[in-house]
């Protein structure tokens, strides 16, 4: 004699919990690593992520790896300078654009770059970056 479930509610509840759990895991995945950064000058609009809507001056563009098909749009990153640094070594930036010409990991707005490194050199700095980190 085959056993029949008393109700389909527990099975649906378990499936719902599993689906919501896997979604939650994706929502909290974090990207971090080491790389290089350069800077770019205003205007910072229009941008691929926000069009003509300004997002302030603490913004950045990312290369293909971090761009991830546009999933980086609107994400915030803490970027820490690791070479030629000023006293303030970490800034928080919002990703607003895909950097098609980047040989670096990301291009920070001039204002963000100026807070942690020296732009008069015109080169790249070594960085540590962490997505959605509190600064």
C-alpha atoms as a PDB file:
ATOM      1  CA  UNK A   1       0.000   0.000   0.000  1.00  0.00           C
ATOM      2  CA  UNK A   2       1.490   3.357  -1.046  1.00  0.00           C
ATOM      3  CA  UNK A   3       1.580   6.191   1.429  1.00  0.00           C
ATOM      4  CA  UNK A   4      -0.174   9.359   0.393  1.00  0.00           C
ATOM      5  CA  UNK A   5       0.661  12.712   1.841  1.00  0.00           C
ATOM      6  CA  UNK A   6      -2.038  14.088   4.127  1.00  0.00           C
ATOM      7  CA  UNK A   7      -1.772  17.523   2.550  1.00  0.00           C
ATOM      8  CA  UNK A   8       0.239  19.273  -0.133  1.00  0.00           C
ATOM      9  CA  UNK A   9       0.778  22.325   2.083  1.00  0.00           C
ATOM     10  CA  UNK A  10       3.960  21.053   3.819  1.00  0.00           C
ATOM     11  CA  UNK A  11       5.519  20.161   0.467  1.00  0.00           C
ATOM     12  CA  UNK A  12       4.685  23.596  -0.959  1.00  0.00           C
ATOM     13  CA  UNK A  13       6.019  25.270   2.164  1.00  0.00           C
ATOM     14  CA  UNK A  14       9.320  23.397   1.911  1.00  0.00           C
ATOM     15  CA  UNK A  15       9.638  24.234  -1.794  1.00  0.00           C
ATOM     16  CA  UNK A  16       8.875  27.891  -1.051  1.00  0.00           C
ATOM     17  CA  UNK A  17      11.467  27.988   1.695  1.00  0.00           C
ATOM     18  CA  UNK A  18      14.084  26.421  -0.541  1.00  0.00           C
ATOM     19  CA  UNK A  19      13.360  28.886  -3.342  1.00  0.00           C
ATOM     20  CA  UNK A  20      13.443  31.882  -1.030  1.00  0.00           C
ATOM     21  CA  UNK A  21      16.660  30.618   0.591  1.00  0.00           C
ATOM     22  CA  UNK A  22      18.479  30.278  -2.718  1.00  0.00           C
ATOM     23  CA  UNK A  23      17.300  33.755  -3.715  1.00  0.00           C
ATOM     24  CA  UNK A  24      18.555  35.180  -0.431  1.00  0.00           C
ATOM     25  CA  UNK A  25      21.957  33.589  -0.919  1.00  0.00           C
ATOM     26  CA  UNK A  26      22.303  35.250  -4.309  1.00  0.00           C
ATOM     27  CA  UNK A  27      21.247  38.618  -2.891  1.00  0.00           C
ATOM     28  CA  UNK A  28      24.019  38.520  -0.284  1.00  0.00           C
ATOM     29  CA  UNK A  29      26.837  37.254  -2.507  1.00  0.00           C
ATOM     30  CA  UNK A  30      29.787  39.591  -2.204  1.00  0.00           C
ATOM     31  CA  UNK A  31      32.482  40.509  -4.703  1.00  0.00           C
ATOM     32  CA  UNK A  32      35.946  41.477  -3.486  1.00  0.00           C
ATOM     33  CA  UNK A  33      39.530  41.326  -4.637  1.00  0.00           C
ATOM     34  CA  UNK A  34      42.666  43.166  -5.663  1.00  0.00           C
ATOM     35  CA  UNK A  35      43.160  45.150  -8.827  1.00  0.00           C
ATOM     36  CA  UNK A  36      44.059  48.527 -10.249  1.00  0.00           C
ATOM     37  CA  UNK A  37      42.158  51.764 -10.649  1.00  0.00           C
ATOM     38  CA  UNK A  38      42.513  54.894 -12.680  1.00  0.00           C
ATOM     39  CA  UNK A  39      40.214  57.926 -12.831  1.00  0.00           C
ATOM     40  CA  UNK A  40      37.957  59.691 -15.282  1.00  0.00           C
ATOM     41  CA  UNK A  41      36.749  63.279 -15.491  1.00  0.00           C
ATOM     42  CA  UNK A  42      33.189  64.672 -15.461  1.00  0.00           C
ATOM     43  CA  UNK A  43      30.564  64.761 -16.794  1.00  0.00           C
ATOM     44  CA  UNK A  44      29.397  61.554 -15.078  1.00  0.00           C
ATOM     45  CA  UNK A  45      26.063  61.537 -16.916  1.00  0.00           C
ATOM     46  CA  UNK A  46      24.613  60.057 -18.963  1.00  0.00           C
ATOM     47  CA  UNK A  47      25.499  56.666 -17.587  1.00  0.00           C
ATOM     48  CA  UNK A  48      24.598  53.127 -18.631  1.00  0.00           C
ATOM     49  CA  UNK A  49      22.960  52.439 -15.272  1.00  0.00           C
ATOM     50  CA  UNK A  50      21.049  55.655 -14.569  1.00  0.00           C
ATOM     51  CA  UNK A  51      20.808  57.565 -17.860  1.00  0.00           C
ATOM     52  CA  UNK A  52      20.578  61.305 -17.150  1.00  0.00           C
ATOM     53  CA  UNK A  53      19.844  60.834 -13.417  1.00  0.00           C
ATOM     54  CA  UNK A  54      22.832  62.158 -11.467  1.00  0.00           C
ATOM     55  CA  UNK A  55      24.289  59.921  -8.764  1.00  0.00           C
ATOM     56  CA  UNK A  56      26.681  62.445  -7.264  1.00  0.00           C
ATOM     57  CA  UNK A  57      30.431  62.471  -7.772  1.00  0.00           C
ATOM     58  CA  UNK A  58      31.460  59.378  -5.784  1.00  0.00           C
ATOM     59  CA  UNK A  59      30.921  57.057  -8.743  1.00  0.00           C
ATOM     60  CA  UNK A  60      32.910  54.551 -10.785  1.00  0.00           C
ATOM     61  CA  UNK A  61      33.043  52.589 -13.996  1.00  0.00           C
ATOM     62  CA  UNK A  62      34.023  48.934 -14.010  1.00  0.00           C
ATOM     63  CA  UNK A  63      35.574  46.631 -16.585  1.00  0.00           C
ATOM     64  CA  UNK A  64      33.941  43.508 -17.999  1.00  0.00           C
ATOM     65  CA  UNK A  65      34.743  41.176 -15.105  1.00  0.00           C
ATOM     66  CA  UNK A  66      33.046  43.279 -12.437  1.00  0.00           C
ATOM     67  CA  UNK A  67      30.363  44.574 -14.827  1.00  0.00           C
ATOM     68  CA  UNK A  68      28.960  41.045 -15.107  1.00  0.00           C
ATOM     69  CA  UNK A  69      26.482  41.848 -17.858  1.00  0.00           C
ATOM     70  CA  UNK A  70      25.157  44.913 -16.014  1.00  0.00           C
ATOM     71  CA  UNK A  71      24.577  43.272 -12.625  1.00  0.00           C
ATOM     72  CA  UNK A  72      27.061  45.730 -11.093  1.00  0.00           C
ATOM     73  CA  UNK A  73      24.754  48.696 -11.831  1.00  0.00           C
ATOM     74  CA  UNK A  74      24.009  50.617  -8.656  1.00  0.00           C
ATOM     75  CA  UNK A  75      26.196  48.411  -6.461  1.00  0.00           C
ATOM     76  CA  UNK A  76      28.432  50.175  -3.981  1.00  0.00           C
ATOM     77  CA  UNK A  77      32.070  49.300  -3.523  1.00  0.00           C
ATOM     78  CA  UNK A  78      34.564  50.262  -0.857  1.00  0.00           C
ATOM     79  CA  UNK A  79      37.828  50.940  -2.673  1.00  0.00           C
ATOM     80  CA  UNK A  80      41.033  50.996  -0.659  1.00  0.00           C
ATOM     81  CA  UNK A  81      44.259  52.437  -2.034  1.00  0.00           C
ATOM     82  CA  UNK A  82      47.330  50.197  -1.692  1.00  0.00           C
ATOM     83  CA  UNK A  83      49.993  52.354  -3.414  1.00  0.00           C
ATOM     84  CA  UNK A  84      50.760  56.116  -3.530  1.00  0.00           C
ATOM     85  CA  UNK A  85      47.982  56.688  -1.002  1.00  0.00           C
ATOM     86  CA  UNK A  86      46.821  59.767   0.837  1.00  0.00           C
ATOM     87  CA  UNK A  87      45.850  59.643   4.503  1.00  0.00           C
ATOM     88  CA  UNK A  88      42.287  58.664   3.668  1.00  0.00           C
ATOM     89  CA  UNK A  89      42.802  55.286   2.046  1.00  0.00           C
ATOM     90  CA  UNK A  90      39.202  54.101   1.448  1.00  0.00           C
ATOM     91  CA  UNK A  91      36.270  55.607  -0.441  1.00  0.00           C
ATOM     92  CA  UNK A  92      32.816  54.299  -1.171  1.00  0.00           C
ATOM     93  CA  UNK A  93      31.644  54.551  -4.790  1.00  0.00           C
ATOM     94  CA  UNK A  94      28.525  53.601  -6.717  1.00  0.00           C
ATOM     95  CA  UNK A  95      28.904  51.770 -10.023  1.00  0.00           C
ATOM     96  CA  UNK A  96      27.247  53.774 -12.796  1.00  0.00           C
ATOM     97  CA  UNK A  97      28.934  52.687 -16.014  1.00  0.00           C
ATOM     98  CA  UNK A  98      30.654  49.953 -17.985  1.00  0.00           C
ATOM     99  CA  UNK A  99      34.214  50.935 -18.880  1.00  0.00           C
ATOM    100  CA  UNK A 100      34.814  49.680 -22.418  1.00  0.00           C
ATOM    101  CA  UNK A 101      38.392  50.964 -22.569  1.00  0.00           C
ATOM    102  CA  UNK A 102      39.513  49.968 -19.072  1.00  0.00           C
ATOM    103  CA  UNK A 103      42.694  47.993 -18.779  1.00  0.00           C
ATOM    104  CA  UNK A 104      42.249  48.572 -15.034  1.00  0.00           C
ATOM    105  CA  UNK A 105      39.707  46.903 -12.759  1.00  0.00           C
ATOM    106  CA  UNK A 106      37.793  50.156 -12.413  1.00  0.00           C
ATOM    107  CA  UNK A 107      37.884  53.852 -13.190  1.00  0.00           C
ATOM    108  CA  UNK A 108      36.933  56.075 -10.268  1.00  0.00           C
ATOM    109  CA  UNK A 109      35.515  59.561 -10.618  1.00  0.00           C
ATOM    110  CA  UNK A 110      38.254  62.151 -10.269  1.00  0.00           C
ATOM    111  CA  UNK A 111      36.751  63.213  -6.918  1.00  0.00           C
ATOM    112  CA  UNK A 112      36.854  59.671  -5.508  1.00  0.00           C
ATOM    113  CA  UNK A 113      40.387  59.062  -6.810  1.00  0.00           C
ATOM    114  CA  UNK A 114      41.605  62.414  -5.423  1.00  0.00           C
ATOM    115  CA  UNK A 115      40.453  61.458  -1.931  1.00  0.00           C
ATOM    116  CA  UNK A 116      42.693  58.392  -1.734  1.00  0.00           C
ATOM    117  CA  UNK A 117      45.531  58.866  -4.251  1.00  0.00           C
ATOM    118  CA  UNK A 118      47.349  61.488  -6.289  1.00  0.00           C
ATOM    119  CA  UNK A 119      45.996  62.237  -9.769  1.00  0.00           C
ATOM    120  CA  UNK A 120      48.980  64.313 -10.860  1.00  0.00           C
ATOM    121  CA  UNK A 121      50.808  61.089 -11.721  1.00  0.00           C
ATOM    122  CA  UNK A 122      48.108  60.199 -14.217  1.00  0.00           C
ATOM    123  CA  UNK A 123      48.685  56.485 -13.731  1.00  0.00           C
ATOM    124  CA  UNK A 124      47.005  53.632 -11.959  1.00  0.00           C
ATOM    125  CA  UNK A 125      47.004  52.736  -8.280  1.00  0.00           C
ATOM    126  CA  UNK A 126      46.766  49.297  -6.741  1.00  0.00           C
ATOM    127  CA  UNK A 127      43.500  48.770  -4.891  1.00  0.00           C
ATOM    128  CA  UNK A 128      41.505  46.375  -2.777  1.00  0.00           C
ATOM    129  CA  UNK A 129      37.764  46.498  -3.485  1.00  0.00           C
ATOM    130  CA  UNK A 130      34.784  45.043  -1.674  1.00  0.00           C
ATOM    131  CA  UNK A 131      31.181  45.171  -2.844  1.00  0.00           C
ATOM    132  CA  UNK A 132      28.540  46.582  -0.485  1.00  0.00           C
ATOM    133  CA  UNK A 133      31.064  47.146   2.290  1.00  0.00           C
ATOM    134  CA  UNK A 134      30.451  49.730   4.976  1.00  0.00           C
ATOM    135  CA  UNK A 135      33.081  52.472   5.080  1.00  0.00           C
END
